[in-house]
Amino acid sequence: MRATLYVRPDGYRTRFEITEIEDDDRAFFEYLNIGISLEISQTAYILYAKIGPSEWDELTYIVPRGQTCRQAMTALRKLCEDALRI
């Protein structure tokens, strides 16, 4: 699954492949065409899910320290399901 990585401080962007993701989570994001992006701050990884066309249709998930990529993507999926009421 492809995602966008934003790098501070200049906002440089690059596309990358998320490989550590459960198959059902990947299918969920791809089926609903939810765009995923990642920002790395000095203190945390921050995941974003673009669930609609508006700039307000973006969910944010701050990855807790020690959480794996698979766990974070599952948590982001749950956040999306709750927001979309699925």
C-alpha atoms as a PDB file:
ATOM      1  CA  MET A   1       0.000   0.000   0.000  1.00  0.00           C
ATOM      2  CA  ARG A   2       1.397   3.387  -1.003  1.00  0.00           C
ATOM      3  CA  ALA A   3       1.536   6.341   1.397  1.00  0.00           C
ATOM      4  CA  THR A   4       3.088   9.796   1.511  1.00  0.00           C
ATOM      5  CA  LEU A   5       5.847  10.750   3.939  1.00  0.00           C
ATOM      6  CA  TYR A   6       6.112  14.419   4.915  1.00  0.00           C
ATOM      7  CA  VAL A   7       9.494  15.541   6.203  1.00  0.00           C
ATOM      8  CA  ARG A   8       9.922  18.629   8.339  1.00  0.00           C
ATOM      9  CA  PRO A   9      10.884  21.424   8.348  1.00  0.00           C
ATOM     10  CA  ASP A  10      10.547  22.136   4.616  1.00  0.00           C
ATOM     11  CA  GLY A  11       7.580  19.874   3.854  1.00  0.00           C
ATOM     12  CA  TYR A  12       9.481  17.614   1.468  1.00  0.00           C
ATOM     13  CA  ARG A  13       7.243  14.733   0.324  1.00  0.00           C
ATOM     14  CA  THR A  14       8.011  11.264  -0.914  1.00  0.00           C
ATOM     15  CA  ARG A  15       5.873   8.213  -1.673  1.00  0.00           C
ATOM     16  CA  PHE A  16       6.683   4.901  -0.010  1.00  0.00           C
ATOM     17  CA  GLU A  17       5.252   1.419   0.359  1.00  0.00           C
ATOM     18  CA  ILE A  18       3.721   0.296   3.668  1.00  0.00           C
ATOM     19  CA  THR A  19       4.556  -3.383   3.954  1.00  0.00           C
ATOM     20  CA  GLU A  20       3.876  -3.973   7.646  1.00  0.00           C
ATOM     21  CA  ILE A  21       0.069  -3.912   7.502  1.00  0.00           C
ATOM     22  CA  GLU A  22      -2.575  -6.581   8.009  1.00  0.00           C
ATOM     23  CA  ASP A  23      -4.237  -7.735   4.780  1.00  0.00           C
ATOM     24  CA  ASP A  24      -7.734  -6.782   5.962  1.00  0.00           C
ATOM     25  CA  ASP A  25      -6.531  -3.289   6.956  1.00  0.00           C
ATOM     26  CA  ARG A  26      -4.886  -2.834   3.544  1.00  0.00           C
ATOM     27  CA  ALA A  27      -8.088  -3.985   1.815  1.00  0.00           C
ATOM     28  CA  PHE A  28     -10.165  -1.555   3.918  1.00  0.00           C
ATOM     29  CA  PHE A  29      -8.046   1.487   3.048  1.00  0.00           C
ATOM     30  CA  GLU A  30      -7.761   0.548  -0.626  1.00  0.00           C
ATOM     31  CA  TYR A  31     -11.455  -0.324  -1.078  1.00  0.00           C
ATOM     32  CA  LEU A  32     -12.549   3.006   0.406  1.00  0.00           C
ATOM     33  CA  ASN A  33      -9.748   4.880  -1.390  1.00  0.00           C
ATOM     34  CA  ILE A  34      -8.473   6.347   1.886  1.00  0.00           C
ATOM     35  CA  GLY A  35      -5.197   8.180   1.414  1.00  0.00           C
ATOM     36  CA  ILE A  36      -2.574   7.549   4.086  1.00  0.00           C
ATOM     37  CA  SER A  37       0.265   9.873   4.981  1.00  0.00           C
ATOM     38  CA  LEU A  38       2.909   9.918   7.680  1.00  0.00           C
ATOM     39  CA  GLU A  39       4.763  12.710   9.398  1.00  0.00           C
ATOM     40  CA  ILE A  40       7.731  12.175  11.668  1.00  0.00           C
ATOM     41  CA  SER A  41       8.034  14.786  14.391  1.00  0.00           C
ATOM     42  CA  GLN A  42      10.774  15.056  16.972  1.00  0.00           C
ATOM     43  CA  THR A  43       8.682  13.130  19.483  1.00  0.00           C
ATOM     44  CA  ALA A  44       6.280  10.912  17.529  1.00  0.00           C
ATOM     45  CA  TYR A  45       5.071   9.344  14.326  1.00  0.00           C
ATOM     46  CA  ILE A  46       1.812  10.881  13.154  1.00  0.00           C
ATOM     47  CA  LEU A  47      -0.496   9.055  10.745  1.00  0.00           C
ATOM     48  CA  TYR A  48      -3.144  10.827   8.678  1.00  0.00           C
ATOM     49  CA  ALA A  49      -6.093   9.262   6.864  1.00  0.00           C
ATOM     50  CA  LYS A  50      -7.846  11.270   4.154  1.00  0.00           C
ATOM     51  CA  ILE A  51     -11.413   9.950   4.292  1.00  0.00           C
ATOM     52  CA  GLY A  52     -13.167  12.526   2.094  1.00  0.00           C
ATOM     53  CA  PRO A  53     -12.692  15.353  -0.401  1.00  0.00           C
ATOM     54  CA  SER A  54     -12.627  18.271   2.054  1.00  0.00           C
ATOM     55  CA  GLU A  55      -9.535  19.443   3.904  1.00  0.00           C
ATOM     56  CA  TRP A  56     -11.567  18.761   7.066  1.00  0.00           C
ATOM     57  CA  ASP A  57     -11.957  15.082   6.112  1.00  0.00           C
ATOM     58  CA  GLU A  58      -8.597  14.074   7.525  1.00  0.00           C
ATOM     59  CA  LEU A  59      -8.133  11.992  10.661  1.00  0.00           C
ATOM     60  CA  THR A  60      -4.995  12.122  12.793  1.00  0.00           C
ATOM     61  CA  TYR A  61      -3.498   9.291  14.820  1.00  0.00           C
ATOM     62  CA  ILE A  62      -0.419   9.842  16.980  1.00  0.00           C
ATOM     63  CA  VAL A  63       1.383   6.523  17.270  1.00  0.00           C
ATOM     64  CA  PRO A  64       2.160   5.648  20.901  1.00  0.00           C
ATOM     65  CA  ARG A  65       5.775   4.815  21.658  1.00  0.00           C
ATOM     66  CA  GLY A  66       6.440   1.094  21.214  1.00  0.00           C
ATOM     67  CA  GLN A  67       3.447   0.437  18.962  1.00  0.00           C
ATOM     68  CA  THR A  68       4.261  -1.487  15.781  1.00  0.00           C
ATOM     69  CA  CYS A  69       3.308  -0.332  12.308  1.00  0.00           C
ATOM     70  CA  ARG A  70       0.742  -3.139  12.064  1.00  0.00           C
ATOM     71  CA  GLN A  71      -0.838  -2.097  15.367  1.00  0.00           C
ATOM     72  CA  ALA A  72      -0.876   1.569  14.357  1.00  0.00           C
ATOM     73  CA  MET A  73      -2.516   0.852  10.992  1.00  0.00           C
ATOM     74  CA  THR A  74      -5.190  -1.259  12.712  1.00  0.00           C
ATOM     75  CA  ALA A  75      -5.825   1.579  15.182  1.00  0.00           C
ATOM     76  CA  LEU A  76      -6.046   4.070  12.287  1.00  0.00           C
ATOM     77  CA  ARG A  77      -8.546   1.790  10.545  1.00  0.00           C
ATOM     78  CA  LYS A  78     -10.683   1.716  13.723  1.00  0.00           C
ATOM     79  CA  LEU A  79     -10.564   5.518  13.871  1.00  0.00           C
ATOM     80  CA  CYS A  80     -11.742   5.647  10.239  1.00  0.00           C
ATOM     81  CA  GLU A  81     -14.527   3.134  10.857  1.00  0.00           C
ATOM     82  CA  ASP A  82     -15.758   5.191  13.800  1.00  0.00           C
ATOM     83  CA  ALA A  83     -15.672   8.435  11.797  1.00  0.00           C
ATOM     84  CA  LEU A  84     -17.424   6.820   8.816  1.00  0.00           C
ATOM     85  CA  ARG A  85     -19.785   4.914  11.122  1.00  0.00           C
ATOM     86  CA  ILE A  86     -18.962   1.571   9.487  1.00  0.00           C
END
